[in-house]
Amino acid sequence: KFSQLSAVATATVDGTDTESSTSSEASKSLKKTIAVTGATGRTGRLVVSELLSTTNHNVIALVRDENKAKELFPMGKGGDEEDDSSTSRLQIQKCDLLNKKQIANIISSTNTDQLIWCSTGFSSNPNASPFDKLGTIWNAVVNKGENTIDYVGLTGLADAI
């Protein structure tokens, strides 16, 4: 588990210092909404779990695959059980990080205060062939990254905040 949420790079909408605001005791009483991209990935799932277990913040899990997210976080909104206070603060939101308009709509409609980027254009999907992975690398090189989630998604989030 993360000893501090500040170990993850974040951007904050209100301009406050994320490191000091997430690690101080005073901030635990201030409820924020934090969006986490790549919430079903190796790092993202740990970040979501840590936020839910150590803070009182609402968490928006931005994911490609809602079914996978519901399996990982069965009590998030849209799941069957909502009585646990830590997991009832979780909202699973399908988001295409290649769609800037969709990103902006989600960020504004959820009143997101902070963003944590845990996405990468290189999926750890066990079903992806070596050719698929090579294609992702080739696309990033040929297009100078302009059609990757790291470029489109990060600039879309920056525009949204």
Protein backbone atom coordinates (compact mmCIF):
# COMPACT_ATOMS: atom_id res chain seq x y z
CA LYS A 1 0.00 0.00 0.00
CA PHE A 2 1.00 3.58 -0.46
CA SER A 3 2.21 5.29 2.69
CA GLN A 4 1.18 8.62 1.23
CA LEU A 5 -1.06 9.45 -1.67
CA SER A 6 1.45 12.12 -2.63
CA ALA A 7 3.64 9.33 -4.01
CA VAL A 8 1.42 9.46 -7.11
CA ALA A 9 1.57 12.40 -9.50
CA THR A 10 -1.64 14.40 -9.27
CA ALA A 11 -3.16 17.55 -10.61
CA THR A 12 -5.52 19.59 -8.51
CA VAL A 13 -8.34 21.73 -9.79
CA ASP A 14 -8.40 24.26 -6.96
CA GLY A 15 -4.64 24.94 -7.03
CA THR A 16 -3.89 23.56 -3.56
CA ASP A 17 -0.70 21.65 -2.89
CA THR A 18 -1.72 18.00 -3.28
CA GLU A 19 1.08 16.58 -1.16
CA SER A 20 0.34 18.67 1.89
CA SER A 21 -3.43 18.47 1.47
CA THR A 22 -3.60 14.67 1.17
CA SER A 23 -1.14 13.89 3.94
CA SER A 24 -2.33 16.32 6.60
CA GLU A 25 -4.86 15.39 9.25
CA ALA A 26 -6.85 18.57 8.61
CA SER A 27 -7.62 17.54 5.04
CA LYS A 28 -9.31 14.33 6.19
CA SER A 29 -12.28 16.38 7.32
CA LEU A 30 -12.54 18.12 3.92
CA LYS A 31 -14.37 15.83 1.54
CA LYS A 32 -13.17 16.04 -2.06
CA THR A 33 -13.93 14.21 -5.25
CA ILE A 34 -10.86 12.55 -6.76
CA ALA A 35 -10.87 11.02 -10.24
CA VAL A 36 -8.46 8.15 -10.91
CA THR A 37 -7.66 7.15 -14.49
CA GLY A 38 -6.66 3.57 -15.15
CA ALA A 39 -8.51 2.49 -12.02
CA THR A 40 -8.56 -1.18 -13.02
CA GLY A 41 -4.83 -1.35 -13.76
CA ARG A 42 -2.06 -2.52 -11.44
CA THR A 43 -1.40 0.91 -9.95
CA GLY A 44 -4.87 2.39 -10.33
CA ARG A 45 -6.62 -0.32 -8.33
CA LEU A 46 -4.17 0.22 -5.46
CA VAL A 47 -4.71 3.97 -5.55
CA VAL A 48 -8.52 3.58 -5.52
CA SER A 49 -8.35 1.08 -2.64
CA GLU A 50 -6.02 3.32 -0.65
CA LEU A 51 -8.19 6.40 -1.19
CA LEU A 52 -11.28 4.53 -0.05
CA SER A 53 -9.64 2.98 3.00
CA THR A 54 -7.63 5.96 4.29
CA THR A 55 -9.67 9.05 3.34
CA ASN A 56 -13.27 10.18 3.36
CA HIS A 57 -13.10 11.43 -0.24
CA ASN A 58 -15.41 10.43 -3.06
CA VAL A 59 -13.57 8.52 -5.78
CA ILE A 60 -14.43 8.47 -9.48
CA ALA A 61 -12.85 5.40 -11.09
CA LEU A 62 -12.31 6.29 -14.76
CA VAL A 63 -12.16 2.99 -16.66
CA ARG A 64 -12.38 1.45 -20.12
CA ASP A 65 -14.15 -1.69 -18.94
CA GLU A 66 -17.02 -1.18 -16.49
CA ASN A 67 -17.52 -4.92 -15.99
CA LYS A 68 -13.90 -5.39 -14.93
CA ALA A 69 -14.26 -2.44 -12.55
CA LYS A 70 -17.43 -3.88 -11.03
CA GLU A 71 -15.60 -7.17 -10.44
CA LEU A 72 -12.68 -5.37 -8.75
CA PHE A 73 -14.87 -2.91 -6.83
CA PRO A 74 -18.27 -4.68 -6.50
CA MET A 75 -19.69 -2.08 -4.16
CA GLY A 76 -19.06 0.98 -6.34
CA LYS A 77 -22.13 2.78 -7.67
CA GLY A 78 -23.65 0.50 -10.20
CA GLY A 79 -22.73 -2.51 -8.04
CA ASP A 80 -25.09 -4.53 -5.87
CA GLU A 81 -23.96 -3.59 -2.37
CA GLU A 82 -23.81 0.03 -1.26
CA ASP A 83 -23.94 -0.21 2.52
CA ASP A 84 -20.18 0.02 3.23
CA SER A 85 -19.43 3.73 3.63
CA SER A 86 -15.96 3.48 2.09
CA THR A 87 -17.10 1.77 -1.10
CA SER A 88 -20.35 3.70 -1.45
CA ARG A 89 -18.09 6.69 -2.11
CA LEU A 90 -16.85 5.02 -5.29
CA GLN A 91 -18.38 5.85 -8.65
CA ILE A 92 -17.34 3.77 -11.65
CA GLN A 93 -17.34 5.84 -14.82
CA LYS A 94 -16.54 4.51 -18.28
CA CYS A 95 -14.21 6.96 -20.01
CA ASP A 96 -12.46 6.96 -23.36
CA LEU A 97 -9.20 8.81 -22.71
CA LEU A 98 -8.89 9.45 -26.45
CA ASN A 99 -12.06 11.58 -26.35
CA LYS A 100 -11.36 15.06 -24.94
CA LYS A 101 -15.04 16.06 -24.98
CA GLN A 102 -16.02 13.00 -22.94
CA ILE A 103 -13.21 13.67 -20.47
CA ALA A 104 -14.34 17.29 -20.03
CA ASN A 105 -17.98 16.23 -19.54
CA ILE A 106 -17.08 13.67 -16.88
CA ILE A 107 -14.78 16.03 -14.97
CA SER A 108 -17.35 18.83 -14.94
CA SER A 109 -20.40 16.65 -14.21
CA THR A 110 -18.71 14.94 -11.24
CA ASN A 111 -17.32 18.18 -9.76
CA THR A 112 -13.86 16.64 -9.63
CA ASP A 113 -11.43 18.40 -7.29
CA GLN A 114 -8.32 16.33 -7.97
CA LEU A 115 -7.05 13.96 -10.64
CA ILE A 116 -4.67 11.04 -10.34
CA TRP A 117 -3.23 9.65 -13.59
CA CYS A 118 -2.61 5.90 -13.46
CA SER A 119 -3.16 5.15 -17.16
CA THR A 120 -0.75 4.15 -19.83
CA GLY A 121 -1.11 3.46 -23.52
CA PHE A 122 0.58 0.10 -23.00
CA SER A 123 -2.05 -2.28 -21.72
CA SER A 124 -1.11 -5.29 -19.65
CA ASN A 125 -3.97 -7.15 -21.30
CA PRO A 126 -2.89 -10.82 -21.36
CA ASN A 127 -4.90 -11.32 -24.58
CA ALA A 128 -2.95 -8.63 -26.47
CA SER A 129 -0.66 -10.17 -29.03
CA PRO A 130 2.95 -9.07 -29.45
CA PHE A 131 1.82 -7.46 -32.72
CA ASP A 132 -0.82 -5.39 -30.89
CA LYS A 133 1.80 -4.18 -28.42
CA LEU A 134 4.23 -3.40 -31.23
CA GLY A 135 1.45 -1.52 -33.03
CA THR A 136 0.93 0.66 -29.96
CA ILE A 137 4.63 1.50 -29.85
CA TRP A 138 4.71 2.14 -33.61
CA ASN A 139 1.69 4.48 -33.36
CA ALA A 140 3.36 6.47 -30.57
CA VAL A 141 6.58 6.83 -32.58
CA VAL A 142 5.03 7.61 -35.98
CA ASN A 143 2.43 10.03 -34.62
CA LYS A 144 4.81 11.47 -32.02
CA GLY A 145 2.40 10.29 -29.33
CA GLU A 146 -0.42 12.52 -30.57
CA ASN A 147 -2.94 9.66 -30.83
CA THR A 148 -2.11 8.00 -27.52
CA ILE A 149 -4.05 8.19 -24.29
CA ASP A 150 -0.99 9.66 -22.61
CA TYR A 151 -1.09 12.64 -24.97
CA VAL A 152 -4.82 13.04 -25.63
CA GLY A 153 -5.95 12.01 -22.15
CA LEU A 154 -3.51 14.20 -20.22
CA THR A 155 -4.13 17.25 -22.39
CA GLY A 156 -7.88 16.59 -22.18
CA LEU A 157 -7.72 16.47 -18.38
CA ALA A 158 -5.59 19.62 -18.31
CA ASP A 159 -8.13 21.39 -20.52
CA ALA A 160 -10.99 20.18 -18.30
CA ILE A 161 -9.50 21.56 -15.13
